[in-house]
PDB file of N, CA and C in Angstrom:
ATOM      1  N   MET A   1      32.145   2.596   9.256  1.00  0.00           N
ATOM      2  CA  MET A   1      30.969   3.395   9.530  1.00  0.00           C
ATOM      3  C   MET A   1      31.408   4.847   9.589  1.00  0.00           C
ATOM      4  N   SER A   2      30.617   5.709   9.009  1.00  0.00           N
ATOM      5  CA  SER A   2      30.948   7.127   9.044  1.00  0.00           C
ATOM      6  C   SER A   2      30.573   7.721  10.391  1.00  0.00           C
ATOM      7  N   SER A   3      31.084   8.895  10.674  1.00  0.00           N
ATOM      8  CA  SER A   3      30.748   9.560  11.927  1.00  0.00           C
ATOM      9  C   SER A   3      29.270   9.917  11.958  1.00  0.00           C
ATOM     10  N   GLU A   4      28.661  10.120  10.775  1.00  0.00           N
ATOM     11  CA  GLU A   4      27.243  10.406  10.696  1.00  0.00           C
ATOM     12  C   GLU A   4      26.433   9.241  11.252  1.00  0.00           C
ATOM     13  N   GLY A   5      26.781   8.020  10.873  1.00  0.00           N
ATOM     14  CA  GLY A   5      26.103   6.828  11.370  1.00  0.00           C
ATOM     15  C   GLY A   5      26.307   6.640  12.855  1.00  0.00           C
ATOM     16  N   ALA A   6      27.499   6.940  13.333  1.00  0.00           N
ATOM     17  CA  ALA A   6      27.776   6.816  14.767  1.00  0.00           C
ATOM     18  C   ALA A   6      26.953   7.826  15.548  1.00  0.00           C
ATOM     19  N   PHE A   7      26.802   9.026  15.021  1.00  0.00           N
ATOM     20  CA  PHE A   7      26.002  10.047  15.698  1.00  0.00           C
ATOM     21  C   PHE A   7      24.552   9.592  15.809  1.00  0.00           C
ATOM     22  N   LEU A   8      24.011   9.039  14.730  1.00  0.00           N
ATOM     23  CA  LEU A   8      22.634   8.589  14.750  1.00  0.00           C
ATOM     24  C   LEU A   8      22.467   7.419  15.713  1.00  0.00           C
ATOM     25  N   ARG A   9      23.433   6.534  15.749  1.00  0.00           N
ATOM     26  CA  ARG A   9      23.344   5.383  16.640  1.00  0.00           C
ATOM     27  C   ARG A   9      23.195   5.842  18.079  1.00  0.00           C
ATOM     28  N   HIS A  10      23.877   6.882  18.476  1.00  0.00           N
ATOM     29  CA  HIS A  10      23.807   7.358  19.852  1.00  0.00           C
ATOM     30  C   HIS A  10      22.473   8.035  20.150  1.00  0.00           C
ATOM     31  N   ARG A  11      21.775   8.455  19.137  1.00  0.00           N
ATOM     32  CA  ARG A  11      20.490   9.114  19.352  1.00  0.00           C
ATOM     33  C   ARG A  11      19.350   8.119  19.475  1.00  0.00           C
ATOM     34  N   LEU A  12      19.520   6.885  19.023  1.00  0.00           N
ATOM     35  CA  LEU A  12      18.493   5.864  19.146  1.00  0.00           C
ATOM     36  C   LEU A  12      18.667   5.140  20.477  1.00  0.00           C
ATOM     37  N   PRO A  13      17.570   4.650  21.056  1.00  0.00           N
ATOM     38  CA  PRO A  13      17.687   3.973  22.356  1.00  0.00           C
ATOM     39  C   PRO A  13      18.504   2.690  22.263  1.00  0.00           C
ATOM     40  N   GLY A  14      19.282   2.445  23.303  1.00  0.00           N
ATOM     41  CA  GLY A  14      20.075   1.218  23.366  1.00  0.00           C
ATOM     42  C   GLY A  14      21.043   1.100  22.217  1.00  0.00           C
ATOM     43  N   ASP A  15      21.161  -0.097  21.698  1.00  0.00           N
ATOM     44  CA  ASP A  15      22.063  -0.371  20.586  1.00  0.00           C
ATOM     45  C   ASP A  15      21.316  -0.499  19.262  1.00  0.00           C
ATOM     46  N   VAL A  16      20.184   0.154  19.145  1.00  0.00           N
ATOM     47  CA  VAL A  16      19.377   0.075  17.929  1.00  0.00           C
ATOM     48  C   VAL A  16      20.046   0.888  16.821  1.00  0.00           C
ATOM     49  N   THR A  17      20.242   0.247  15.699  1.00  0.00           N
ATOM     50  CA  THR A  17      20.810   0.932  14.533  1.00  0.00           C
ATOM     51  C   THR A  17      19.674   1.339  13.598  1.00  0.00           C
ATOM     52  N   PRO A  18      19.935   2.237  12.665  1.00  0.00           N
ATOM     53  CA  PRO A  18      18.897   2.570  11.685  1.00  0.00           C
ATOM     54  C   PRO A  18      18.407   1.348  10.906  1.00  0.00           C
ATOM     55  N   VAL A  19      19.301   0.413  10.646  1.00  0.00           N
ATOM     56  CA  VAL A  19      18.910  -0.807   9.928  1.00  0.00           C
ATOM     57  C   VAL A  19      17.959  -1.634  10.794  1.00  0.00           C
ATOM     58  N   ASP A  20      18.264  -1.761  12.090  1.00  0.00           N
ATOM     59  CA  ASP A  20      17.374  -2.485  13.011  1.00  0.00           C
ATOM     60  C   ASP A  20      16.004  -1.820  13.071  1.00  0.00           C
ATOM     61  N   LEU A  21      16.004  -0.500  13.178  1.00  0.00           N
ATOM     62  CA  LEU A  21      14.759   0.250  13.261  1.00  0.00           C
ATOM     63  C   LEU A  21      13.940   0.066  11.989  1.00  0.00           C
ATOM     64  N   GLU A  22      14.598   0.147  10.849  1.00  0.00           N
ATOM     65  CA  GLU A  22      13.881  -0.025   9.589  1.00  0.00           C
ATOM     66  C   GLU A  22      13.289  -1.429   9.483  1.00  0.00           C
ATOM     67  N   ARG A  23      14.049  -2.431   9.866  1.00  0.00           N
ATOM     68  CA  ARG A  23      13.569  -3.815   9.824  1.00  0.00           C
ATOM     69  C   ARG A  23      12.322  -3.969  10.712  1.00  0.00           C
ATOM     70  N   LEU A  24      12.375  -3.407  11.907  1.00  0.00           N
ATOM     71  CA  LEU A  24      11.229  -3.460  12.813  1.00  0.00           C
ATOM     72  C   LEU A  24      10.019  -2.765  12.194  1.00  0.00           C
ATOM     73  N   LEU A  25      10.245  -1.599  11.615  1.00  0.00           N
ATOM     74  CA  LEU A  25       9.137  -0.850  11.023  1.00  0.00           C
ATOM     75  C   LEU A  25       8.533  -1.555   9.814  1.00  0.00           C
ATOM     76  N   TRP A  26       9.325  -2.285   9.031  1.00  0.00           N
ATOM     77  CA  TRP A  26       8.746  -3.058   7.925  1.00  0.00           C
ATOM     78  C   TRP A  26       7.847  -4.163   8.468  1.00  0.00           C
ATOM     79  N   GLY A  27       8.215  -4.730   9.618  1.00  0.00           N
ATOM     80  CA  GLY A  27       7.329  -5.707  10.266  1.00  0.00           C
ATOM     81  C   GLY A  27       6.018  -5.067  10.683  1.00  0.00           C
ATOM     82  N   VAL A  28       6.099  -3.839  11.198  1.00  0.00           N
ATOM     83  CA  VAL A  28       4.886  -3.099  11.571  1.00  0.00           C
ATOM     84  C   VAL A  28       4.042  -2.813  10.332  1.00  0.00           C
ATOM     85  N   VAL A  29       4.682  -2.527   9.214  1.00  0.00           N
ATOM     86  CA  VAL A  29       3.954  -2.295   7.950  1.00  0.00           C
ATOM     87  C   VAL A  29       3.124  -3.526   7.595  1.00  0.00           C
ATOM     88  N   VAL A  30       3.731  -4.698   7.682  1.00  0.00           N
ATOM     89  CA  VAL A  30       3.015  -5.938   7.346  1.00  0.00           C
ATOM     90  C   VAL A  30       1.796  -6.111   8.255  1.00  0.00           C
ATOM     91  N   LEU A  31       1.998  -5.902   9.559  1.00  0.00           N
ATOM     92  CA  LEU A  31       0.882  -6.035  10.499  1.00  0.00           C
ATOM     93  C   LEU A  31      -0.194  -4.980  10.254  1.00  0.00           C
ATOM     94  N   ALA A  32       0.225  -3.742  10.005  1.00  0.00           N
ATOM     95  CA  ALA A  32      -0.730  -2.665   9.770  1.00  0.00           C
ATOM     96  C   ALA A  32      -1.512  -2.905   8.483  1.00  0.00           C
ATOM     97  N   LEU A  33      -0.839  -3.347   7.450  1.00  0.00           N
ATOM     98  CA  LEU A  33      -1.479  -3.649   6.181  1.00  0.00           C
ATOM     99  C   LEU A  33      -2.532  -4.732   6.375  1.00  0.00           C
ATOM    100  N   ALA A  34      -2.170  -5.804   7.067  1.00  0.00           N
ATOM    101  CA  ALA A  34      -3.116  -6.895   7.316  1.00  0.00           C
ATOM    102  C   ALA A  34      -4.293  -6.409   8.156  1.00  0.00           C
ATOM    103  N   ALA A  35      -4.015  -5.623   9.188  1.00  0.00           N
ATOM    104  CA  ALA A  35      -5.087  -5.121  10.051  1.00  0.00           C
ATOM    105  C   ALA A  35      -6.038  -4.229   9.275  1.00  0.00           C
ATOM    106  N   ASP A  36      -5.510  -3.374   8.424  1.00  0.00           N
ATOM    107  CA  ASP A  36      -6.357  -2.486   7.626  1.00  0.00           C
ATOM    108  C   ASP A  36      -7.225  -3.280   6.665  1.00  0.00           C
ATOM    109  N   ILE A  37      -6.639  -4.242   5.983  1.00  0.00           N
ATOM    110  CA  ILE A  37      -7.405  -5.039   5.025  1.00  0.00           C
ATOM    111  C   ILE A  37      -8.483  -5.858   5.729  1.00  0.00           C
ATOM    112  N   VAL A  38      -8.116  -6.533   6.796  1.00  0.00           N
ATOM    113  CA  VAL A  38      -9.094  -7.373   7.502  1.00  0.00           C
ATOM    114  C   VAL A  38     -10.233  -6.524   8.055  1.00  0.00           C
ATOM    115  N   THR A  39      -9.899  -5.427   8.723  1.00  0.00           N
ATOM    116  CA  THR A  39     -10.963  -4.601   9.314  1.00  0.00           C
ATOM    117  C   THR A  39     -11.807  -3.924   8.232  1.00  0.00           C
ATOM    118  N   THR A  40     -11.215  -3.601   7.103  1.00  0.00           N
ATOM    119  CA  THR A  40     -11.990  -3.019   6.001  1.00  0.00           C
ATOM    120  C   THR A  40     -13.032  -4.012   5.511  1.00  0.00           C
ATOM    121  N   PHE A  41     -12.629  -5.248   5.282  1.00  0.00           N
ATOM    122  CA  PHE A  41     -13.567  -6.227   4.749  1.00  0.00           C
ATOM    123  C   PHE A  41     -14.587  -6.680   5.790  1.00  0.00           C
ATOM    124  N   VAL A  42     -14.198  -6.696   7.055  1.00  0.00           N
ATOM    125  CA  VAL A  42     -15.184  -6.972   8.108  1.00  0.00           C
ATOM    126  C   VAL A  42     -16.223  -5.856   8.126  1.00  0.00           C
ATOM    127  N   GLY A  43     -15.757  -4.618   8.050  1.00  0.00           N
ATOM    128  CA  GLY A  43     -16.674  -3.479   8.016  1.00  0.00           C
ATOM    129  C   GLY A  43     -17.625  -3.543   6.831  1.00  0.00           C
ATOM    130  N   LEU A  44     -17.114  -3.910   5.681  1.00  0.00           N
ATOM    131  CA  LEU A  44     -17.976  -4.023   4.501  1.00  0.00           C
ATOM    132  C   LEU A  44     -19.021  -5.118   4.705  1.00  0.00           C
ATOM    133  N   ARG A  45     -18.630  -6.200   5.359  1.00  0.00           N
ATOM    134  CA  ARG A  45     -19.568  -7.306   5.590  1.00  0.00           C
ATOM    135  C   ARG A  45     -20.686  -6.931   6.556  1.00  0.00           C
ATOM    136  N   VAL A  46     -20.419  -6.007   7.472  1.00  0.00           N
ATOM    137  CA  VAL A  46     -21.469  -5.596   8.416  1.00  0.00           C
ATOM    138  C   VAL A  46     -22.259  -4.403   7.895  1.00  0.00           C
ATOM    139  N   GLY A  47     -22.012  -4.008   6.643  1.00  0.00           N
ATOM    140  CA  GLY A  47     -22.825  -2.983   6.021  1.00  0.00           C
ATOM    141  C   GLY A  47     -22.224  -1.589   5.961  1.00  0.00           C
ATOM    142  N   LEU A  48     -20.983  -1.444   6.366  1.00  0.00           N
ATOM    143  CA  LEU A  48     -20.330  -0.141   6.281  1.00  0.00           C
ATOM    144  C   LEU A  48     -19.802   0.071   4.869  1.00  0.00           C
ATOM    145  N   SER A  49     -19.397   1.280   4.560  1.00  0.00           N
ATOM    146  CA  SER A  49     -18.851   1.558   3.235  1.00  0.00           C
ATOM    147  C   SER A  49     -17.427   2.108   3.369  1.00  0.00           C
ATOM    148  N   GLU A  50     -16.651   1.894   2.332  1.00  0.00           N
ATOM    149  CA  GLU A  50     -15.269   2.387   2.291  1.00  0.00           C
ATOM    150  C   GLU A  50     -15.296   3.882   2.005  1.00  0.00           C
ATOM    151  N   SER A  51     -14.591   4.668   2.825  1.00  0.00           N
ATOM    152  CA  SER A  51     -14.606   6.124   2.634  1.00  0.00           C
ATOM    153  C   SER A  51     -13.491   6.616   1.706  1.00  0.00           C
ATOM    154  N   ASN A  52     -12.437   5.833   1.520  1.00  0.00           N
ATOM    155  CA  ASN A  52     -11.341   6.220   0.632  1.00  0.00           C
ATOM    156  C   ASN A  52     -11.768   5.920  -0.810  1.00  0.00           C
ATOM    157  N   PRO A  53     -11.876   6.958  -1.649  1.00  0.00           N
ATOM    158  CA  PRO A  53     -12.358   6.719  -3.018  1.00  0.00           C
ATOM    159  C   PRO A  53     -11.482   5.769  -3.831  1.00  0.00           C
ATOM    160  N   ALA A  54     -10.175   5.835  -3.661  1.00  0.00           N
ATOM    161  CA  ALA A  54      -9.293   4.930  -4.411  1.00  0.00           C
ATOM    162  C   ALA A  54      -9.510   3.488  -3.968  1.00  0.00           C
ATOM    163  N   ALA A  55      -9.574   3.275  -2.660  1.00  0.00           N
ATOM    164  CA  ALA A  55      -9.794   1.922  -2.148  1.00  0.00           C
ATOM    165  C   ALA A  55     -11.191   1.438  -2.525  1.00  0.00           C
ATOM    166  N   ARG A  56     -12.181   2.320  -2.444  1.00  0.00           N
ATOM    167  CA  ARG A  56     -13.551   1.940  -2.802  1.00  0.00           C
ATOM    168  C   ARG A  56     -13.608   1.474  -4.255  1.00  0.00           C
ATOM    169  N   GLY A  57     -12.967   2.224  -5.152  1.00  0.00           N
ATOM    170  CA  GLY A  57     -12.951   1.831  -6.563  1.00  0.00           C
ATOM    171  C   GLY A  57     -12.245   0.501  -6.782  1.00  0.00           C
ATOM    172  N   ALA A  58     -11.131   0.306  -6.092  1.00  0.00           N
ATOM    173  CA  ALA A  58     -10.383  -0.952  -6.233  1.00  0.00           C
ATOM    174  C   ALA A  58     -11.204  -2.130  -5.730  1.00  0.00           C
ATOM    175  N   ILE A  59     -11.871  -1.932  -4.595  1.00  0.00           N
ATOM    176  CA  ILE A  59     -12.668  -3.012  -4.010  1.00  0.00           C
ATOM    177  C   ILE A  59     -13.895  -3.298  -4.865  1.00  0.00           C
ATOM    178  N   GLU A  60     -14.585  -2.245  -5.287  1.00  0.00           N
ATOM    179  CA  GLU A  60     -15.780  -2.439  -6.111  1.00  0.00           C
ATOM    180  C   GLU A  60     -15.440  -3.091  -7.454  1.00  0.00           C
ATOM    181  N   GLY A  61     -14.298  -2.736  -8.010  1.00  0.00           N
ATOM    182  CA  GLY A  61     -13.913  -3.277  -9.309  1.00  0.00           C
ATOM    183  C   GLY A  61     -13.284  -4.660  -9.258  1.00  0.00           C
ATOM    184  N   HIS A  62     -12.527  -4.934  -8.182  1.00  0.00           N
ATOM    185  CA  HIS A  62     -11.744  -6.177  -8.173  1.00  0.00           C
ATOM    186  C   HIS A  62     -11.731  -6.897  -6.830  1.00  0.00           C
ATOM    187  N   GLY A  63     -12.482  -6.430  -5.853  1.00  0.00           N
ATOM    188  CA  GLY A  63     -12.565  -7.108  -4.561  1.00  0.00           C
ATOM    189  C   GLY A  63     -11.237  -7.087  -3.811  1.00  0.00           C
ATOM    190  N   LEU A  64     -10.954  -8.188  -3.158  1.00  0.00           N
ATOM    191  CA  LEU A  64      -9.723  -8.302  -2.369  1.00  0.00           C
ATOM    192  C   LEU A  64      -8.484  -8.121  -3.231  1.00  0.00           C
ATOM    193  N   ALA A  65      -8.502  -8.659  -4.438  1.00  0.00           N
ATOM    194  CA  ALA A  65      -7.344  -8.510  -5.339  1.00  0.00           C
ATOM    195  C   ALA A  65      -7.070  -7.038  -5.637  1.00  0.00           C
ATOM    196  N   GLY A  66      -8.120  -6.249  -5.791  1.00  0.00           N
ATOM    197  CA  GLY A  66      -7.950  -4.818  -6.034  1.00  0.00           C
ATOM    198  C   GLY A  66      -7.333  -4.117  -4.842  1.00  0.00           C
ATOM    199  N   MET A  67      -7.794  -4.484  -3.643  1.00  0.00           N
ATOM    200  CA  MET A  67      -7.236  -3.892  -2.424  1.00  0.00           C
ATOM    201  C   MET A  67      -5.771  -4.290  -2.265  1.00  0.00           C
ATOM    202  N   LEU A  68      -5.455  -5.542  -2.513  1.00  0.00           N
ATOM    203  CA  LEU A  68      -4.060  -5.997  -2.412  1.00  0.00           C
ATOM    204  C   LEU A  68      -3.178  -5.295  -3.443  1.00  0.00           C
ATOM    205  N   ALA A  69      -3.690  -5.092  -4.645  1.00  0.00           N
ATOM    206  CA  ALA A  69      -2.919  -4.391  -5.681  1.00  0.00           C
ATOM    207  C   ALA A  69      -2.671  -2.941  -5.272  1.00  0.00           C
ATOM    208  N   LEU A  70      -3.670  -2.306  -4.691  1.00  0.00           N
ATOM    209  CA  LEU A  70      -3.521  -0.929  -4.237  1.00  0.00           C
ATOM    210  C   LEU A  70      -2.451  -0.834  -3.149  1.00  0.00           C
ATOM    211  N   LYS A  71      -2.488  -1.757  -2.199  1.00  0.00           N
ATOM    212  CA  LYS A  71      -1.486  -1.769  -1.120  1.00  0.00           C
ATOM    213  C   LYS A  71      -0.103  -2.088  -1.683  1.00  0.00           C
ATOM    214  N   ALA A  72      -0.029  -3.026  -2.617  1.00  0.00           N
ATOM    215  CA  ALA A  72       1.261  -3.374  -3.227  1.00  0.00           C
ATOM    216  C   ALA A  72       1.846  -2.177  -3.973  1.00  0.00           C
ATOM    217  N   PHE A  73       0.985  -1.408  -4.627  1.00  0.00           N
ATOM    218  CA  PHE A  73       1.448  -0.201  -5.322  1.00  0.00           C
ATOM    219  C   PHE A  73       2.049   0.781  -4.311  1.00  0.00           C
ATOM    220  N   ALA A  74       1.368   0.986  -3.183  1.00  0.00           N
ATOM    221  CA  ALA A  74       1.868   1.909  -2.156  1.00  0.00           C
ATOM    222  C   ALA A  74       3.214   1.441  -1.613  1.00  0.00           C
ATOM    223  N   VAL A  75       3.335   0.144  -1.350  1.00  0.00           N
ATOM    224  CA  VAL A  75       4.614  -0.390  -0.861  1.00  0.00           C
ATOM    225  C   VAL A  75       5.690  -0.226  -1.930  1.00  0.00           C
ATOM    226  N   GLY A  76       5.341  -0.473  -3.176  1.00  0.00           N
ATOM    227  CA  GLY A  76       6.298  -0.306  -4.280  1.00  0.00           C
ATOM    228  C   GLY A  76       6.812   1.118  -4.395  1.00  0.00           C
ATOM    229  N   VAL A  77       5.908   2.085  -4.294  1.00  0.00           N
ATOM    230  CA  VAL A  77       6.325   3.490  -4.324  1.00  0.00           C
ATOM    231  C   VAL A  77       7.261   3.774  -3.152  1.00  0.00           C
ATOM    232  N   GLY A  78       6.913   3.250  -1.982  1.00  0.00           N
ATOM    233  CA  GLY A  78       7.774   3.433  -0.808  1.00  0.00           C
ATOM    234  C   GLY A  78       9.158   2.842  -1.018  1.00  0.00           C
ATOM    235  N   LEU A  79       9.219   1.658  -1.589  1.00  0.00           N
ATOM    236  CA  LEU A  79      10.517   1.015  -1.821  1.00  0.00           C
ATOM    237  C   LEU A  79      11.361   1.801  -2.823  1.00  0.00           C
ATOM    238  N   ILE A  80      10.729   2.348  -3.838  1.00  0.00           N
ATOM    239  CA  ILE A  80      11.466   3.159  -4.811  1.00  0.00           C
ATOM    240  C   ILE A  80      11.973   4.443  -4.156  1.00  0.00           C
ATOM    241  N   CYS A  81      11.104   5.094  -3.395  1.00  0.00           N
ATOM    242  CA  CYS A  81      11.514   6.331  -2.710  1.00  0.00           C
ATOM    243  C   CYS A  81      12.608   6.059  -1.682  1.00  0.00           C
ATOM    244  N   ARG A  82      12.560   4.902  -1.059  1.00  0.00           N
ATOM    245  CA  ARG A  82      13.564   4.517  -0.061  1.00  0.00           C
ATOM    246  C   ARG A  82      14.964   4.568  -0.650  1.00  0.00           C
ATOM    247  N   LEU A  83      15.084   4.182  -1.903  1.00  0.00           N
ATOM    248  CA  LEU A  83      16.397   4.169  -2.566  1.00  0.00           C
ATOM    249  C   LEU A  83      16.976   5.571  -2.742  1.00  0.00           C
ATOM    250  N   LEU A  84      16.120   6.572  -2.699  1.00  0.00           N
ATOM    251  CA  LEU A  84      16.571   7.946  -2.884  1.00  0.00           C
ATOM    252  C   LEU A  84      17.093   8.568  -1.585  1.00  0.00           C
ATOM    253  N   LEU A  85      16.895   7.885  -0.468  1.00  0.00           N
ATOM    254  CA  LEU A  85      17.259   8.431   0.840  1.00  0.00           C
ATOM    255  C   LEU A  85      18.592   7.890   1.338  1.00  0.00           C
ATOM    256  N   GLU A  86      19.263   8.690   2.157  1.00  0.00           N
ATOM    257  CA  GLU A  86      20.437   8.188   2.861  1.00  0.00           C
ATOM    258  C   GLU A  86      19.977   7.112   3.836  1.00  0.00           C
ATOM    259  N   ARG A  87      20.852   6.179   4.128  1.00  0.00           N
ATOM    260  CA  ARG A  87      20.503   5.043   4.981  1.00  0.00           C
ATOM    261  C   ARG A  87      19.876   5.472   6.303  1.00  0.00           C
ATOM    262  N   LYS A  88      20.381   6.517   6.914  1.00  0.00           N
ATOM    263  CA  LYS A  88      19.884   6.912   8.233  1.00  0.00           C
ATOM    264  C   LYS A  88      18.452   7.432   8.196  1.00  0.00           C
ATOM    265  N   TYR A  89      17.972   7.849   7.012  1.00  0.00           N
ATOM    266  CA  TYR A  89      16.613   8.357   6.884  1.00  0.00           C
ATOM    267  C   TYR A  89      15.626   7.324   6.344  1.00  0.00           C
ATOM    268  N   ARG A  90      16.091   6.166   5.963  1.00  0.00           N
ATOM    269  CA  ARG A  90      15.228   5.165   5.344  1.00  0.00           C
ATOM    270  C   ARG A  90      14.098   4.645   6.244  1.00  0.00           C
ATOM    271  N   PRO A  91      14.245   4.625   7.563  1.00  0.00           N
ATOM    272  CA  PRO A  91      13.114   4.162   8.393  1.00  0.00           C
ATOM    273  C   PRO A  91      11.852   5.017   8.252  1.00  0.00           C
ATOM    274  N   ILE A  92      11.976   6.220   7.713  1.00  0.00           N
ATOM    275  CA  ILE A  92      10.794   7.064   7.538  1.00  0.00           C
ATOM    276  C   ILE A  92       9.820   6.450   6.536  1.00  0.00           C
ATOM    277  N   VAL A  93      10.318   5.672   5.591  1.00  0.00           N
ATOM    278  CA  VAL A  93       9.445   5.085   4.572  1.00  0.00           C
ATOM    279  C   VAL A  93       8.476   4.079   5.190  1.00  0.00           C
ATOM    280  N   PRO A  94       8.943   3.055   5.901  1.00  0.00           N
ATOM    281  CA  PRO A  94       7.954   2.146   6.500  1.00  0.00           C
ATOM    282  C   PRO A  94       7.097   2.829   7.561  1.00  0.00           C
ATOM    283  N   ALA A  95       7.649   3.799   8.263  1.00  0.00           N
ATOM    284  CA  ALA A  95       6.833   4.535   9.244  1.00  0.00           C
ATOM    285  C   ALA A  95       5.704   5.277   8.532  1.00  0.00           C
ATOM    286  N   GLY A  96       6.028   5.865   7.378  1.00  0.00           N
ATOM    287  CA  GLY A  96       5.025   6.597   6.611  1.00  0.00           C
ATOM    288  C   GLY A  96       3.942   5.703   6.036  1.00  0.00           C
ATOM    289  N   LEU A  97       4.225   4.434   5.858  1.00  0.00           N
ATOM    290  CA  LEU A  97       3.216   3.478   5.418  1.00  0.00           C
ATOM    291  C   LEU A  97       2.435   2.920   6.607  1.00  0.00           C
ATOM    292  N   ALA A  98       3.135   2.593   7.672  1.00  0.00           N
ATOM    293  CA  ALA A  98       2.499   1.926   8.807  1.00  0.00           C
ATOM    294  C   ALA A  98       1.548   2.836   9.576  1.00  0.00           C
ATOM    295  N   VAL A  99       1.931   4.078   9.809  1.00  0.00           N
ATOM    296  CA  VAL A  99       1.116   4.962  10.660  1.00  0.00           C
ATOM    297  C   VAL A  99      -0.295   5.156  10.094  1.00  0.00           C
ATOM    298  N   PRO A 100      -0.466   5.530   8.821  1.00  0.00           N
ATOM    299  CA  PRO A 100      -1.845   5.696   8.343  1.00  0.00           C
ATOM    300  C   PRO A 100      -2.626   4.386   8.291  1.00  0.00           C
ATOM    301  N   TRP A 101      -1.957   3.280   7.975  1.00  0.00           N
ATOM    302  CA  TRP A 101      -2.671   2.001   7.938  1.00  0.00           C
ATOM    303  C   TRP A 101      -3.082   1.565   9.335  1.00  0.00           C
ATOM    304  N   LEU A 102      -2.234   1.811  10.326  1.00  0.00           N
ATOM    305  CA  LEU A 102      -2.629   1.507  11.707  1.00  0.00           C
ATOM    306  C   LEU A 102      -3.784   2.403  12.143  1.00  0.00           C
ATOM    307  N   ALA A 103      -3.704   3.675  11.797  1.00  0.00           N
ATOM    308  CA  ALA A 103      -4.787   4.595  12.139  1.00  0.00           C
ATOM    309  C   ALA A 103      -6.091   4.154  11.471  1.00  0.00           C
ATOM    310  N   ALA A 104      -6.018   3.735  10.219  1.00  0.00           N
ATOM    311  CA  ALA A 104      -7.216   3.271   9.519  1.00  0.00           C
ATOM    312  C   ALA A 104      -7.785   2.026  10.191  1.00  0.00           C
ATOM    313  N   ALA A 105      -6.923   1.108  10.600  1.00  0.00           N
ATOM    314  CA  ALA A 105      -7.396  -0.111  11.262  1.00  0.00           C
ATOM    315  C   ALA A 105      -8.076   0.217  12.587  1.00  0.00           C
ATOM    316  N   VAL A 106      -7.498   1.136  13.360  1.00  0.00           N
ATOM    317  CA  VAL A 106      -8.102   1.538  14.636  1.00  0.00           C
ATOM    318  C   VAL A 106      -9.451   2.205  14.377  1.00  0.00           C
ATOM    319  N   LEU A 107      -9.505   3.086  13.405  1.00  0.00           N
ATOM    320  CA  LEU A 107     -10.767   3.741  13.058  1.00  0.00           C
ATOM    321  C   LEU A 107     -11.793   2.720  12.574  1.00  0.00           C
ATOM    322  N   ASN A 108     -11.351   1.751  11.794  1.00  0.00           N
ATOM    323  CA  ASN A 108     -12.249   0.689  11.331  1.00  0.00           C
ATOM    324  C   ASN A 108     -12.825  -0.102  12.505  1.00  0.00           C
ATOM    325  N   VAL A 109     -11.971  -0.463  13.451  1.00  0.00           N
ATOM    326  CA  VAL A 109     -12.444  -1.213  14.620  1.00  0.00           C
ATOM    327  C   VAL A 109     -13.475  -0.390  15.394  1.00  0.00           C
ATOM    328  N   TYR A 110     -13.193   0.884  15.583  1.00  0.00           N
ATOM    329  CA  TYR A 110     -14.130   1.768  16.291  1.00  0.00           C
ATOM    330  C   TYR A 110     -15.462   1.842  15.536  1.00  0.00           C
ATOM    331  N   THR A 111     -15.395   2.034  14.226  1.00  0.00           N
ATOM    332  CA  THR A 111     -16.612   2.158  13.421  1.00  0.00           C
ATOM    333  C   THR A 111     -17.406   0.856  13.418  1.00  0.00           C
ATOM    334  N   ILE A 112     -16.723  -0.262  13.309  1.00  0.00           N
ATOM    335  CA  ILE A 112     -17.395  -1.576  13.331  1.00  0.00           C
ATOM    336  C   ILE A 112     -18.073  -1.782  14.683  1.00  0.00           C
ATOM    337  N   SER A 113     -17.360  -1.480  15.758  1.00  0.00           N
ATOM    338  CA  SER A 113     -17.950  -1.685  17.093  1.00  0.00           C
ATOM    339  C   SER A 113     -19.148  -0.759  17.323  1.00  0.00           C
ATOM    340  N   SER A 114     -19.134   0.417  16.732  1.00  0.00           N
ATOM    341  CA  SER A 114     -20.274   1.336  16.845  1.00  0.00           C
ATOM    342  C   SER A 114     -21.466   0.856  16.042  1.00  0.00           C
ATOM    343  N   ALA A 115     -21.200   0.150  14.955  1.00  0.00           N
ATOM    344  CA  ALA A 115     -22.266  -0.318  14.080  1.00  0.00           C
ATOM    345  C   ALA A 115     -22.945  -1.590  14.596  1.00  0.00           C
ATOM    346  N   LEU A 116     -22.267  -2.298  15.469  1.00  0.00           N
ATOM    347  CA  LEU A 116     -22.840  -3.574  15.960  1.00  0.00           C
ATOM    348  C   LEU A 116     -23.804  -3.379  17.085  1.00  0.00           C
TER     349      LEU A 116
END
């Protein structure tokens, strides 16, 4: 291990390594992705509309398959970009995917609850 990795290890809580953190964040990505998709389709079923034009087009054109393809494309771009980063910076990729999807799911839940 390089001294760079050792320095980063001491900055993370406990014995968490960048690899551990990245693994955890990819799990959060899966949960956030599922939450966003489920809440989006629940919202559509109660009469709400999709505000993201790309997602709206994918859903209108191909339904759930379109939404899954759009999410898969985003994950694919993240995985490609991940390869360009040093190992210690790689957790930023799943964080960058999970945070907006979690925010969208929370906003969806709020909007659905307001509409009911």
